[in-house]
Amino acid sequence: MRTNVKSEQLLAVQMAVLAHTLVEAKDLPDIGMLPKDGPIIVQSDIPGQKATIDSRALPSIKGRKLVLMTRKEIQDKADRDDATLTYVEIDSIVVEGTVAKVSVGTNMAIPTNSHLAKLCCCTGLAIFNLVKDSWIFGNWSETVCARLHNMPLNPTVANSAPAG
């Protein structure tokens, strides 16, 4: 994130990204992995950046509650509940003049004691343009996905050859 970005501008970008990906277009990469009911977790900390997601950026979704949690809080909940949690993650926000590039997608927290490897989730680089004081979605410039997930870490299974 550019250090000269005003907090109001950063909030406006966050609002535009979450509204577009979760409410308007509903095109968050891997949106289908989010829970179908109950709360939707949004990671509040942005890896490698001092900025955090502002609670005012969370859109209203009929019948759903959006909950901000840090990455550590999400992992602690997955461990405590012994359940895999899928959540919205904004990996980075870079604002250069009238263009905002936002890496956003889904992520998973797998219980630490599960002995499972996480090989999943999609993320995309969403481009937003500042038009008359509003951040407007432009396009997805790239999307990266892995489709395998929750693969057991069992050397016997991993190294066994098919019978026959």
N, C-alpha and C. Protein backbone atom coordinates (compact mmCIF):
# COMPACT_ATOMS: atom_id res chain seq x y z
N MET A 1 0.85 -1.17 0.00
CA MET A 1 0.00 0.00 0.00
C MET A 1 0.89 1.22 0.00
N ARG A 2 0.58 2.20 -0.79
CA ARG A 2 1.32 3.46 -0.81
C ARG A 2 1.11 4.17 0.52
N THR A 3 2.16 4.72 1.07
CA THR A 3 2.05 5.38 2.37
C THR A 3 1.27 6.68 2.30
N ASN A 4 1.13 7.26 1.11
CA ASN A 4 0.42 8.53 1.01
C ASN A 4 -1.09 8.35 0.79
N VAL A 5 -1.59 7.13 0.88
CA VAL A 5 -3.02 6.89 0.71
C VAL A 5 -3.72 7.28 2.00
N LYS A 6 -4.71 8.13 1.88
CA LYS A 6 -5.47 8.58 3.04
C LYS A 6 -6.34 7.44 3.55
N SER A 7 -6.59 7.43 4.85
CA SER A 7 -7.39 6.36 5.44
C SER A 7 -8.80 6.33 4.84
N GLU A 8 -9.36 7.49 4.51
CA GLU A 8 -10.70 7.51 3.90
C GLU A 8 -10.68 6.85 2.53
N GLN A 9 -9.59 7.07 1.79
CA GLN A 9 -9.46 6.47 0.48
C GLN A 9 -9.31 4.95 0.60
N LEU A 10 -8.52 4.51 1.57
CA LEU A 10 -8.33 3.08 1.80
C LEU A 10 -9.66 2.43 2.20
N LEU A 11 -10.41 3.07 3.07
CA LEU A 11 -11.72 2.57 3.46
C LEU A 11 -12.63 2.48 2.24
N ALA A 12 -12.63 3.48 1.39
CA ALA A 12 -13.47 3.47 0.19
C ALA A 12 -13.11 2.31 -0.73
N VAL A 13 -11.81 2.01 -0.87
CA VAL A 13 -11.38 0.87 -1.69
C VAL A 13 -11.86 -0.44 -1.06
N GLN A 14 -11.68 -0.58 0.25
CA GLN A 14 -12.13 -1.79 0.94
C GLN A 14 -13.63 -1.99 0.75
N MET A 15 -14.39 -0.92 0.91
CA MET A 15 -15.85 -1.00 0.74
C MET A 15 -16.20 -1.45 -0.67
N ALA A 16 -15.54 -0.88 -1.67
CA ALA A 16 -15.83 -1.22 -3.07
C ALA A 16 -15.50 -2.68 -3.36
N VAL A 17 -14.36 -3.15 -2.86
CA VAL A 17 -13.92 -4.54 -3.11
C VAL A 17 -14.89 -5.53 -2.49
N LEU A 18 -15.21 -5.34 -1.21
CA LEU A 18 -16.08 -6.29 -0.53
C LEU A 18 -17.51 -6.24 -1.07
N ALA A 19 -18.01 -5.05 -1.39
CA ALA A 19 -19.35 -4.94 -1.96
C ALA A 19 -19.41 -5.62 -3.32
N HIS A 20 -18.40 -5.38 -4.16
CA HIS A 20 -18.40 -5.98 -5.50
C HIS A 20 -18.30 -7.50 -5.43
N THR A 21 -17.34 -8.01 -4.66
CA THR A 21 -17.06 -9.45 -4.68
C THR A 21 -18.07 -10.29 -3.91
N LEU A 22 -18.73 -9.70 -2.90
CA LEU A 22 -19.65 -10.47 -2.07
C LEU A 22 -21.13 -10.17 -2.32
N VAL A 23 -21.45 -8.99 -2.85
CA VAL A 23 -22.85 -8.60 -2.97
C VAL A 23 -23.26 -8.35 -4.42
N GLU A 24 -22.55 -7.47 -5.11
CA GLU A 24 -22.97 -7.05 -6.44
C GLU A 24 -22.71 -8.14 -7.49
N ALA A 25 -21.46 -8.40 -7.82
CA ALA A 25 -21.13 -9.41 -8.82
C ALA A 25 -21.04 -10.81 -8.22
N LYS A 26 -20.79 -10.87 -6.92
CA LYS A 26 -20.59 -12.15 -6.23
C LYS A 26 -19.55 -12.99 -6.95
N ASP A 27 -18.44 -12.35 -7.32
CA ASP A 27 -17.41 -13.04 -8.09
C ASP A 27 -16.09 -13.19 -7.33
N LEU A 28 -16.17 -13.20 -6.00
CA LEU A 28 -14.99 -13.47 -5.20
C LEU A 28 -14.41 -14.81 -5.64
N PRO A 29 -13.11 -14.87 -5.96
CA PRO A 29 -12.55 -16.17 -6.33
C PRO A 29 -12.83 -17.22 -5.25
N ASP A 30 -13.37 -18.34 -5.68
CA ASP A 30 -13.75 -19.46 -4.81
C ASP A 30 -14.86 -19.12 -3.84
N ILE A 31 -15.76 -18.23 -4.22
CA ILE A 31 -16.85 -17.82 -3.34
C ILE A 31 -17.70 -19.02 -2.91
N GLY A 32 -17.76 -20.04 -3.73
CA GLY A 32 -18.54 -21.23 -3.42
C GLY A 32 -18.02 -22.01 -2.22
N MET A 33 -16.79 -21.73 -1.80
CA MET A 33 -16.23 -22.42 -0.64
C MET A 33 -16.66 -21.78 0.67
N LEU A 34 -17.20 -20.57 0.62
CA LEU A 34 -17.67 -19.93 1.85
C LEU A 34 -18.89 -20.67 2.37
N PRO A 35 -19.12 -20.63 3.68
CA PRO A 35 -20.29 -21.33 4.22
C PRO A 35 -21.58 -20.79 3.61
N LYS A 36 -22.53 -21.69 3.38
CA LYS A 36 -23.81 -21.31 2.75
C LYS A 36 -24.72 -20.55 3.72
N ASP A 37 -24.51 -20.74 5.01
CA ASP A 37 -25.29 -20.00 6.00
C ASP A 37 -24.41 -19.68 7.19
N GLY A 38 -24.95 -18.90 8.10
CA GLY A 38 -24.16 -18.48 9.25
C GLY A 38 -23.24 -17.33 8.88
N PRO A 39 -22.36 -16.97 9.80
CA PRO A 39 -21.48 -15.82 9.56
C PRO A 39 -20.43 -16.09 8.47
N ILE A 40 -20.03 -15.03 7.82
CA ILE A 40 -18.91 -15.07 6.87
C ILE A 40 -17.75 -14.34 7.54
N ILE A 41 -16.64 -15.05 7.66
CA ILE A 41 -15.45 -14.46 8.29
C ILE A 41 -14.66 -13.69 7.24
N VAL A 42 -14.25 -12.49 7.60
CA VAL A 42 -13.37 -11.67 6.77
C VAL A 42 -12.11 -11.43 7.59
N GLN A 43 -10.96 -11.83 7.04
CA GLN A 43 -9.70 -11.61 7.76
C GLN A 43 -9.44 -10.12 7.86
N SER A 44 -9.18 -9.65 9.08
CA SER A 44 -9.02 -8.21 9.29
C SER A 44 -7.61 -7.71 9.00
N ASP A 45 -6.61 -8.54 9.23
CA ASP A 45 -5.25 -8.09 8.96
C ASP A 45 -4.88 -8.40 7.51
N ILE A 46 -4.10 -7.49 6.94
CA ILE A 46 -3.66 -7.63 5.56
C ILE A 46 -2.18 -8.00 5.62
N PRO A 47 -1.83 -9.22 5.18
CA PRO A 47 -0.44 -9.68 5.30
C PRO A 47 0.57 -8.68 4.72
N GLY A 48 1.60 -8.39 5.50
CA GLY A 48 2.67 -7.52 5.01
C GLY A 48 2.33 -6.04 4.97
N GLN A 49 1.14 -5.65 5.45
CA GLN A 49 0.76 -4.25 5.43
C GLN A 49 0.31 -3.82 6.82
N LYS A 50 0.50 -2.56 7.12
CA LYS A 50 0.06 -2.03 8.41
C LYS A 50 -1.45 -1.84 8.45
N ALA A 51 -2.06 -1.71 7.31
CA ALA A 51 -3.51 -1.47 7.22
C ALA A 51 -4.28 -2.70 7.66
N THR A 52 -5.48 -2.47 8.15
CA THR A 52 -6.41 -3.54 8.48
C THR A 52 -7.74 -3.23 7.82
N ILE A 53 -8.58 -4.26 7.72
CA ILE A 53 -9.91 -4.04 7.16
C ILE A 53 -10.75 -3.33 8.20
N ASP A 54 -11.36 -2.24 7.81
CA ASP A 54 -12.19 -1.43 8.68
C ASP A 54 -13.59 -2.06 8.76
N SER A 55 -14.16 -2.13 9.94
CA SER A 55 -15.50 -2.73 10.09
C SER A 55 -16.54 -1.99 9.26
N ARG A 56 -16.31 -0.70 8.98
CA ARG A 56 -17.24 0.07 8.15
C ARG A 56 -17.23 -0.39 6.70
N ALA A 57 -16.21 -1.17 6.31
CA ALA A 57 -16.11 -1.65 4.93
C ALA A 57 -16.98 -2.89 4.68
N LEU A 58 -17.47 -3.51 5.73
CA LEU A 58 -18.25 -4.74 5.57
C LEU A 58 -19.62 -4.42 4.99
N PRO A 59 -19.95 -5.07 3.85
CA PRO A 59 -21.26 -4.81 3.26
C PRO A 59 -22.37 -5.52 4.03
N SER A 60 -23.57 -5.11 3.78
CA SER A 60 -24.74 -5.77 4.37
C SER A 60 -25.19 -6.87 3.41
N ILE A 61 -25.34 -8.07 3.95
CA ILE A 61 -25.81 -9.21 3.17
C ILE A 61 -27.04 -9.75 3.89
N LYS A 62 -28.15 -9.76 3.20
CA LYS A 62 -29.41 -10.18 3.82
C LYS A 62 -29.27 -11.57 4.44
N GLY A 63 -29.62 -11.66 5.71
CA GLY A 63 -29.61 -12.93 6.41
C GLY A 63 -28.24 -13.43 6.82
N ARG A 64 -27.20 -12.64 6.59
CA ARG A 64 -25.83 -13.07 6.91
C ARG A 64 -25.15 -12.00 7.74
N LYS A 65 -24.22 -12.43 8.55
CA LYS A 65 -23.40 -11.52 9.33
C LYS A 65 -21.96 -11.68 8.87
N LEU A 66 -21.27 -10.58 8.67
CA LEU A 66 -19.85 -10.62 8.36
C LEU A 66 -19.08 -10.31 9.63
N VAL A 67 -18.06 -11.11 9.91
CA VAL A 67 -17.30 -11.01 11.14
C VAL A 67 -15.83 -10.79 10.81
N LEU A 68 -15.23 -9.75 11.38
CA LEU A 68 -13.80 -9.51 11.21
C LEU A 68 -13.02 -10.29 12.26
N MET A 69 -11.99 -11.00 11.81
CA MET A 69 -11.10 -11.73 12.71
C MET A 69 -9.69 -11.67 12.14
N THR A 70 -8.69 -11.63 13.02
CA THR A 70 -7.31 -11.69 12.54
C THR A 70 -7.00 -13.11 12.09
N ARG A 71 -5.93 -13.25 11.35
CA ARG A 71 -5.52 -14.58 10.89
C ARG A 71 -5.31 -15.50 12.09
N LYS A 72 -4.69 -14.98 13.15
CA LYS A 72 -4.45 -15.78 14.36
C LYS A 72 -5.77 -16.18 15.01
N GLU A 73 -6.72 -15.26 15.10
CA GLU A 73 -8.02 -15.59 15.68
C GLU A 73 -8.75 -16.66 14.87
N ILE A 74 -8.62 -16.59 13.56
CA ILE A 74 -9.25 -17.59 12.69
C ILE A 74 -8.63 -18.96 12.94
N GLN A 75 -7.30 -19.01 12.98
CA GLN A 75 -6.63 -20.29 13.22
C GLN A 75 -6.96 -20.83 14.61
N ASP A 76 -6.97 -19.95 15.60
CA ASP A 76 -7.32 -20.38 16.97
C ASP A 76 -8.73 -20.96 17.01
N LYS A 77 -9.67 -20.35 16.28
CA LYS A 77 -11.05 -20.87 16.24
C LYS A 77 -11.09 -22.22 15.54
N ALA A 78 -10.37 -22.37 14.44
CA ALA A 78 -10.32 -23.66 13.74
C ALA A 78 -9.78 -24.75 14.68
N ASP A 79 -8.74 -24.42 15.44
CA ASP A 79 -8.16 -25.39 16.38
C ASP A 79 -9.14 -25.69 17.52
N ARG A 80 -9.74 -24.67 18.08
CA ARG A 80 -10.66 -24.82 19.21
C ARG A 80 -11.89 -25.64 18.80
N ASP A 81 -12.45 -25.35 17.61
CA ASP A 81 -13.65 -26.03 17.14
C ASP A 81 -13.33 -27.34 16.42
N ASP A 82 -12.03 -27.60 16.18
CA ASP A 82 -11.59 -28.77 15.40
C ASP A 82 -12.36 -28.85 14.08
N ALA A 83 -12.38 -27.69 13.39
CA ALA A 83 -13.12 -27.58 12.13
C ALA A 83 -12.36 -26.70 11.16
N THR A 84 -12.47 -27.01 9.89
CA THR A 84 -11.88 -26.19 8.84
C THR A 84 -12.77 -24.98 8.62
N LEU A 85 -12.17 -23.80 8.61
CA LEU A 85 -12.90 -22.55 8.38
C LEU A 85 -12.47 -21.95 7.05
N THR A 86 -13.43 -21.54 6.27
CA THR A 86 -13.15 -20.86 5.01
C THR A 86 -13.56 -19.40 5.19
N TYR A 87 -12.73 -18.50 4.68
CA TYR A 87 -12.96 -17.08 4.94
C TYR A 87 -12.47 -16.22 3.79
N VAL A 88 -12.87 -14.95 3.82
CA VAL A 88 -12.46 -13.97 2.82
C VAL A 88 -11.13 -13.36 3.27
N GLU A 89 -10.19 -13.25 2.34
CA GLU A 89 -8.89 -12.66 2.67
C GLU A 89 -8.50 -11.65 1.59
N ILE A 90 -8.15 -10.46 2.04
CA ILE A 90 -7.54 -9.47 1.16
C ILE A 90 -6.04 -9.52 1.44
N ASP A 91 -5.27 -9.94 0.44
CA ASP A 91 -3.83 -10.13 0.62
C ASP A 91 -3.04 -8.84 0.48
N SER A 92 -3.52 -7.94 -0.35
CA SER A 92 -2.81 -6.68 -0.51
C SER A 92 -3.72 -5.65 -1.18
N ILE A 93 -3.42 -4.40 -0.86
CA ILE A 93 -4.10 -3.27 -1.51
C ILE A 93 -3.01 -2.29 -1.91
N VAL A 94 -2.93 -2.01 -3.20
CA VAL A 94 -1.97 -1.05 -3.71
C VAL A 94 -2.75 0.01 -4.48
N VAL A 95 -2.64 1.25 -4.03
CA VAL A 95 -3.33 2.36 -4.69
C VAL A 95 -2.27 3.25 -5.33
N GLU A 96 -2.42 3.44 -6.64
CA GLU A 96 -1.53 4.32 -7.39
C GLU A 96 -2.39 5.31 -8.16
N GLY A 97 -2.54 6.49 -7.58
CA GLY A 97 -3.36 7.51 -8.22
C GLY A 97 -4.81 7.11 -8.25
N THR A 98 -5.35 6.90 -9.46
CA THR A 98 -6.76 6.56 -9.62
C THR A 98 -6.98 5.07 -9.87
N VAL A 99 -5.96 4.26 -9.62
CA VAL A 99 -6.07 2.81 -9.82
C VAL A 99 -5.73 2.09 -8.52
N ALA A 100 -6.60 1.17 -8.13
CA ALA A 100 -6.35 0.33 -6.96
C ALA A 100 -6.26 -1.12 -7.43
N LYS A 101 -5.20 -1.80 -7.01
CA LYS A 101 -5.01 -3.21 -7.31
C LYS A 101 -5.14 -3.96 -5.99
N VAL A 102 -6.11 -4.87 -5.96
CA VAL A 102 -6.42 -5.56 -4.72
C VAL A 102 -6.37 -7.06 -4.94
N SER A 103 -5.51 -7.73 -4.19
CA SER A 103 -5.45 -9.18 -4.22
C SER A 103 -6.45 -9.70 -3.20
N VAL A 104 -7.45 -10.44 -3.66
CA VAL A 104 -8.55 -10.88 -2.79
C VAL A 104 -9.01 -12.28 -3.20
N GLY A 105 -9.45 -13.04 -2.23
CA GLY A 105 -9.96 -14.37 -2.52
C GLY A 105 -10.42 -15.05 -1.25
N THR A 106 -10.44 -16.37 -1.30
CA THR A 106 -10.80 -17.16 -0.13
C THR A 106 -9.54 -17.82 0.42
N ASN A 107 -9.64 -18.22 1.66
CA ASN A 107 -8.55 -18.97 2.29
C ASN A 107 -9.19 -19.93 3.27
N MET A 108 -8.40 -20.86 3.77
CA MET A 108 -8.89 -21.85 4.72
C MET A 108 -7.95 -21.93 5.91
N ALA A 109 -8.53 -22.12 7.07
CA ALA A 109 -7.75 -22.44 8.27
C ALA A 109 -8.12 -23.87 8.64
N ILE A 110 -7.13 -24.73 8.62
CA ILE A 110 -7.32 -26.15 8.93
C ILE A 110 -6.80 -26.39 10.34
N PRO A 111 -7.53 -27.15 11.16
CA PRO A 111 -7.04 -27.42 12.52
C PRO A 111 -5.61 -27.95 12.51
N THR A 112 -4.80 -27.39 13.38
CA THR A 112 -3.38 -27.73 13.42
C THR A 112 -3.16 -29.23 13.63
N ASN A 113 -3.99 -29.87 14.42
CA ASN A 113 -3.80 -31.29 14.72
C ASN A 113 -4.41 -32.22 13.69
N SER A 114 -4.91 -31.70 12.59
CA SER A 114 -5.59 -32.54 11.59
C SER A 114 -4.64 -33.31 10.69
N HIS A 115 -3.38 -32.90 10.62
CA HIS A 115 -2.39 -33.55 9.75
C HIS A 115 -2.81 -33.48 8.29
N LEU A 116 -3.48 -32.42 7.91
CA LEU A 116 -3.89 -32.21 6.53
C LEU A 116 -3.09 -31.07 5.92
N ALA A 117 -2.84 -31.16 4.63
CA ALA A 117 -2.16 -30.10 3.91
C ALA A 117 -3.19 -29.24 3.21
N LYS A 118 -2.98 -27.95 3.22
CA LYS A 118 -3.89 -27.04 2.53
C LYS A 118 -3.33 -26.75 1.15
N LEU A 119 -4.03 -27.23 0.16
CA LEU A 119 -3.63 -27.00 -1.23
C LEU A 119 -4.83 -26.42 -1.98
N CYS A 120 -5.36 -25.36 -1.44
CA CYS A 120 -6.59 -24.86 -2.06
C CYS A 120 -6.59 -23.36 -2.19
N CYS A 121 -7.63 -22.97 -2.68
CA CYS A 121 -8.14 -21.62 -2.67
C CYS A 121 -7.67 -20.78 -3.84
N CYS A 122 -8.55 -19.92 -4.22
CA CYS A 122 -8.28 -19.02 -5.34
C CYS A 122 -8.11 -17.60 -4.83
N THR A 123 -7.29 -16.88 -5.52
CA THR A 123 -7.13 -15.46 -5.27
C THR A 123 -7.04 -14.76 -6.62
N GLY A 124 -7.47 -13.54 -6.65
CA GLY A 124 -7.41 -12.80 -7.90
C GLY A 124 -6.94 -11.38 -7.65
N LEU A 125 -6.44 -10.75 -8.69
CA LEU A 125 -6.03 -9.36 -8.61
C LEU A 125 -7.12 -8.52 -9.27
N ALA A 126 -7.91 -7.86 -8.43
CA ALA A 126 -9.02 -7.03 -8.90
C ALA A 126 -8.54 -5.61 -9.11
N ILE A 127 -8.89 -5.04 -10.23
CA ILE A 127 -8.52 -3.67 -10.56
C ILE A 127 -9.75 -2.78 -10.40
N PHE A 128 -9.60 -1.73 -9.59
CA PHE A 128 -10.66 -0.75 -9.39
C PHE A 128 -10.15 0.61 -9.84
N ASN A 129 -11.03 1.39 -10.44
CA ASN A 129 -10.68 2.71 -10.94
C ASN A 129 -11.50 3.77 -10.21
N LEU A 130 -10.83 4.87 -9.85
CA LEU A 130 -11.50 5.97 -9.18
C LEU A 130 -12.19 6.83 -10.24
N VAL A 131 -13.53 6.86 -10.18
CA VAL A 131 -14.33 7.62 -11.13
C VAL A 131 -15.29 8.49 -10.33
N LYS A 132 -15.11 9.80 -10.43
CA LYS A 132 -15.98 10.75 -9.72
C LYS A 132 -16.16 10.37 -8.26
N ASP A 133 -15.08 10.21 -7.55
CA ASP A 133 -15.08 9.93 -6.11
C ASP A 133 -15.60 8.55 -5.71
N SER A 134 -15.76 7.64 -6.68
CA SER A 134 -16.18 6.27 -6.37
C SER A 134 -15.21 5.28 -7.00
N TRP A 135 -14.91 4.24 -6.25
CA TRP A 135 -14.06 3.17 -6.78
C TRP A 135 -14.94 2.18 -7.52
N ILE A 136 -14.70 2.04 -8.83
CA ILE A 136 -15.51 1.21 -9.71
C ILE A 136 -14.68 0.02 -10.19
N PHE A 137 -15.27 -1.19 -10.11
CA PHE A 137 -14.57 -2.39 -10.57
C PHE A 137 -14.27 -2.28 -12.05
N GLY A 138 -13.02 -2.60 -12.41
CA GLY A 138 -12.60 -2.61 -13.80
C GLY A 138 -12.55 -4.02 -14.35
N ASN A 139 -11.66 -4.83 -13.79
CA ASN A 139 -11.52 -6.19 -14.27
C ASN A 139 -10.67 -7.02 -13.30
N TRP A 140 -10.67 -8.31 -13.54
CA TRP A 140 -9.74 -9.21 -12.86
C TRP A 140 -8.53 -9.32 -13.78
N SER A 141 -7.35 -8.92 -13.31
CA SER A 141 -6.18 -9.00 -14.19
C SER A 141 -5.54 -10.37 -14.14
N GLU A 142 -5.73 -11.08 -13.05
CA GLU A 142 -5.23 -12.45 -12.96
C GLU A 142 -5.94 -13.16 -11.82
N THR A 143 -6.07 -14.47 -11.98
CA THR A 143 -6.65 -15.30 -10.94
C THR A 143 -5.81 -16.56 -10.85
N VAL A 144 -5.48 -16.95 -9.64
CA VAL A 144 -4.68 -18.15 -9.41
C VAL A 144 -5.50 -19.08 -8.53
N CYS A 145 -5.64 -20.34 -8.98
CA CYS A 145 -6.43 -21.31 -8.22
C CYS A 145 -5.70 -22.63 -8.08
N ALA A 146 -5.97 -23.29 -6.99
CA ALA A 146 -5.57 -24.68 -6.78
C ALA A 146 -6.84 -25.40 -6.36
N ARG A 147 -7.12 -26.51 -6.94
CA ARG A 147 -8.39 -27.18 -6.69
C ARG A 147 -8.31 -28.33 -5.69
N LEU A 148 -7.14 -28.83 -5.38
CA LEU A 148 -7.04 -29.91 -4.39
C LEU A 148 -7.02 -29.31 -3.01
N HIS A 149 -7.71 -29.93 -2.06
CA HIS A 149 -7.64 -29.45 -0.69
C HIS A 149 -7.87 -30.59 0.28
N ASN A 150 -7.42 -30.39 1.50
CA ASN A 150 -7.53 -31.36 2.57
C ASN A 150 -6.96 -32.73 2.18
N MET A 151 -5.78 -32.72 1.60
CA MET A 151 -5.12 -33.94 1.22
C MET A 151 -4.36 -34.49 2.43
N PRO A 152 -4.62 -35.74 2.85
CA PRO A 152 -3.95 -36.28 4.04
C PRO A 152 -2.44 -36.29 3.89
N LEU A 153 -1.76 -35.97 4.97
CA LEU A 153 -0.30 -36.06 5.00
C LEU A 153 0.07 -37.44 5.53
N ASN A 154 -0.08 -38.43 4.70
CA ASN A 154 0.19 -39.81 5.09
C ASN A 154 1.19 -40.39 4.10
N PRO A 155 2.45 -40.56 4.49
CA PRO A 155 3.47 -41.05 3.55
C PRO A 155 3.11 -42.40 2.96
N THR A 156 2.41 -43.25 3.68
CA THR A 156 2.03 -44.56 3.15
C THR A 156 1.11 -44.40 1.96
N VAL A 157 0.12 -43.51 2.08
CA VAL A 157 -0.82 -43.27 0.98
C VAL A 157 -0.11 -42.53 -0.15
N ALA A 158 0.67 -41.53 0.18
CA ALA A 158 1.34 -40.70 -0.84
C ALA A 158 2.33 -41.52 -1.68
N ASN A 159 3.00 -42.49 -1.08
CA ASN A 159 4.03 -43.24 -1.78
C ASN A 159 3.56 -44.58 -2.31
N SER A 160 2.30 -44.94 -2.14
CA SER A 160 1.83 -46.25 -2.59
C SER A 160 1.47 -46.18 -4.06
N ALA A 161 1.78 -47.23 -4.74
CA ALA A 161 1.46 -47.36 -6.15
C ALA A 161 0.11 -48.03 -6.31
N PRO A 162 -0.62 -47.73 -7.38
CA PRO A 162 -1.90 -48.40 -7.60
C PRO A 162 -1.69 -49.91 -7.78
N ALA A 163 -2.63 -50.67 -7.27
CA ALA A 163 -2.54 -52.13 -7.40
C ALA A 163 -2.75 -52.52 -8.86
N GLY A 164 -2.07 -53.59 -9.24
CA GLY A 164 -2.35 -54.13 -10.55
C GLY A 164 -1.21 -54.09 -11.40
